[in-house]
C-alpha atoms as a PDB file:
ATOM      1  CA  MET A   1       0.000   0.000   0.000  1.00  0.00           C
ATOM      2  CA  TYR A   2       2.773   2.468   0.874  1.00  0.00           C
ATOM      3  CA  GLN A   3       4.560   1.793  -2.404  1.00  0.00           C
ATOM      4  CA  LYS A   4       1.373   2.485  -4.357  1.00  0.00           C
ATOM      5  CA  ILE A   5       0.951   5.777  -2.474  1.00  0.00           C
ATOM      6  CA  GLU A   6       4.601   6.621  -3.150  1.00  0.00           C
ATOM      7  CA  SER A   7       4.243   5.940  -6.853  1.00  0.00           C
ATOM      8  CA  GLU A   8       1.012   7.903  -7.276  1.00  0.00           C
ATOM      9  CA  TYR A   9       1.981  10.831  -5.028  1.00  0.00           C
ATOM     10  CA  ASP A  10       5.448  11.346  -6.494  1.00  0.00           C
ATOM     11  CA  HIS A  11       3.988  11.106  -9.992  1.00  0.00           C
ATOM     12  CA  TYR A  12       1.388  13.726  -9.086  1.00  0.00           C
ATOM     13  CA  LEU A  13       4.022  16.078  -7.639  1.00  0.00           C
ATOM     14  CA  SER A  14       6.342  15.755 -10.635  1.00  0.00           C
ATOM     15  CA  SER A  15       3.558  16.148 -13.197  1.00  0.00           C
ATOM     16  CA  LYS A  16       3.678  19.466 -15.032  1.00  0.00           C
ATOM     17  CA  ILE A  17      -0.036  19.431 -15.862  1.00  0.00           C
ATOM     18  CA  LYS A  18      -2.314  18.802 -12.906  1.00  0.00           C
ATOM     19  CA  ASP A  19      -5.890  18.172 -13.995  1.00  0.00           C
ATOM     20  CA  ILE A  20      -7.141  17.892 -10.376  1.00  0.00           C
ATOM     21  CA  GLY A  21      -6.204  19.659  -7.152  1.00  0.00           C
ATOM     22  CA  ILE A  22      -4.243  18.046  -4.328  1.00  0.00           C
ATOM     23  CA  THR A  23      -7.347  17.498  -2.167  1.00  0.00           C
ATOM     24  CA  ASP A  24      -9.228  15.734  -4.949  1.00  0.00           C
ATOM     25  CA  PHE A  25      -6.104  13.732  -5.745  1.00  0.00           C
ATOM     26  CA  LYS A  26      -5.863  12.528  -2.127  1.00  0.00           C
ATOM     27  CA  LYS A  27      -9.559  11.588  -2.112  1.00  0.00           C
ATOM     28  CA  LYS A  28      -9.078   9.641  -5.354  1.00  0.00           C
ATOM     29  CA  LEU A  29      -5.987   7.937  -3.910  1.00  0.00           C
ATOM     30  CA  ALA A  30      -7.913   6.971  -0.762  1.00  0.00           C
ATOM     31  CA  LYS A  31     -10.610   5.314  -2.863  1.00  0.00           C
ATOM     32  CA  MET A  32      -7.962   3.612  -4.998  1.00  0.00           C
ATOM     33  CA  ILE A  33      -6.388   1.834  -2.028  1.00  0.00           C
ATOM     34  CA  ASP A  34      -9.645   1.503  -0.054  1.00  0.00           C
ATOM     35  CA  THR A  35      -8.881   3.673   2.959  1.00  0.00           C
ATOM     36  CA  THR A  36     -10.089   6.960   4.410  1.00  0.00           C
ATOM     37  CA  THR A  37      -8.958  10.360   3.205  1.00  0.00           C
ATOM     38  CA  SER A  38      -7.765  11.256   6.703  1.00  0.00           C
ATOM     39  CA  ASN A  39      -5.568   8.146   6.735  1.00  0.00           C
ATOM     40  CA  ILE A  40      -4.010   9.236   3.417  1.00  0.00           C
ATOM     41  CA  TYR A  41      -3.251  12.645   4.930  1.00  0.00           C
ATOM     42  CA  GLU A  42      -1.578  11.000   7.953  1.00  0.00           C
ATOM     43  CA  ILE A  43       0.420   8.584   5.815  1.00  0.00           C
ATOM     44  CA  ILE A  44       1.634  11.293   3.455  1.00  0.00           C
ATOM     45  CA  LYS A  45       2.551  13.626   6.316  1.00  0.00           C
ATOM     46  CA  ALA A  46       4.582  10.877   7.993  1.00  0.00           C
ATOM     47  CA  GLY A  47       6.395   9.932   4.779  1.00  0.00           C
ATOM     48  CA  LEU A  48       7.464  13.300   3.394  1.00  0.00           C
ATOM     49  CA  ILE A  49      11.206  13.779   3.054  1.00  0.00           C
ATOM     50  CA  THR A  50      13.400  16.493   1.567  1.00  0.00           C
ATOM     51  CA  VAL A  51      15.808  15.383  -1.144  1.00  0.00           C
ATOM     52  CA  ARG A  52      18.517  17.308  -2.944  1.00  0.00           C
ATOM     53  CA  ASP A  53      19.328  16.854  -6.613  1.00  0.00           C
ATOM     54  CA  TYR A  54      22.757  17.106  -8.241  1.00  0.00           C
ATOM     55  CA  GLU A  55      22.562  20.882  -8.228  1.00  0.00           C
ATOM     56  CA  TYR A  56      21.664  20.903  -4.491  1.00  0.00           C
ATOM     57  CA  ARG A  57      18.109  22.064  -5.106  1.00  0.00           C
ATOM     58  CA  LYS A  58      15.588  20.801  -2.577  1.00  0.00           C
ATOM     59  CA  ARG A  59      12.470  18.909  -3.492  1.00  0.00           C
ATOM     60  CA  ILE A  60       9.902  17.110  -1.386  1.00  0.00           C
ATOM     61  CA  GLU A  61       9.091  13.474  -2.022  1.00  0.00           C
ATOM     62  CA  PHE A  62       7.130  10.748  -0.326  1.00  0.00           C
ATOM     63  CA  SER A  63       9.075   7.731   0.900  1.00  0.00           C
ATOM     64  CA  ALA A  64       7.243   4.455   1.444  1.00  0.00           C
ATOM     65  CA  THR A  65      10.176   3.092   3.468  1.00  0.00           C
ATOM     66  CA  VAL A  66      10.220   6.065   5.841  1.00  0.00           C
ATOM     67  CA  VAL A  67       6.494   5.932   6.539  1.00  0.00           C
ATOM     68  CA  TYR A  68       6.549   2.155   6.964  1.00  0.00           C
ATOM     69  CA  ASN A  69       9.370   2.389   9.505  1.00  0.00           C
ATOM     70  CA  LYS A  70       7.708   5.244  11.404  1.00  0.00           C
ATOM     71  CA  ARG A  71       4.302   3.604  11.575  1.00  0.00           C
ATOM     72  CA  THR A  72       5.683   0.142  12.402  1.00  0.00           C
ATOM     73  CA  LYS A  73       7.882   1.538  15.177  1.00  0.00           C
ATOM     74  CA  LYS A  74       4.931   3.496  16.602  1.00  0.00           C
ATOM     75  CA  SER A  75       2.758   0.369  16.552  1.00  0.00           C
ATOM     76  CA  ILE A  76       5.403  -1.712  18.333  1.00  0.00           C
ATOM     77  CA  GLU A  77       5.931   0.979  20.987  1.00  0.00           C
ATOM     78  CA  ASN A  78       2.195   1.248  21.630  1.00  0.00           C
ATOM     79  CA  ASN A  79       1.840  -2.518  22.032  1.00  0.00           C
ATOM     80  CA  ALA A  80       4.792  -2.729  24.409  1.00  0.00           C
ATOM     81  CA  TYR A  81       2.965  -0.683  27.038  1.00  0.00           C
ATOM     82  CA  ASP A  82      -0.383  -2.489  26.893  1.00  0.00           C
END
């Protein structure tokens, strides 16, 4: 699921022509992977990273690995105290 979000979100960000707004895109993405829009917002927020290109310009991307590690670690920590 995270890799699908990464693929779709990064494609949306890099696209020159955006036929829908970011909110509508996130709603469409939520339906695509069968989850809530609020969950998409949380996942994307947790997975955003800043990357630099060869000319040291910053750009924001979504990383499936980062969000997976953050959310898995949070889940393990929460279960440890139950």
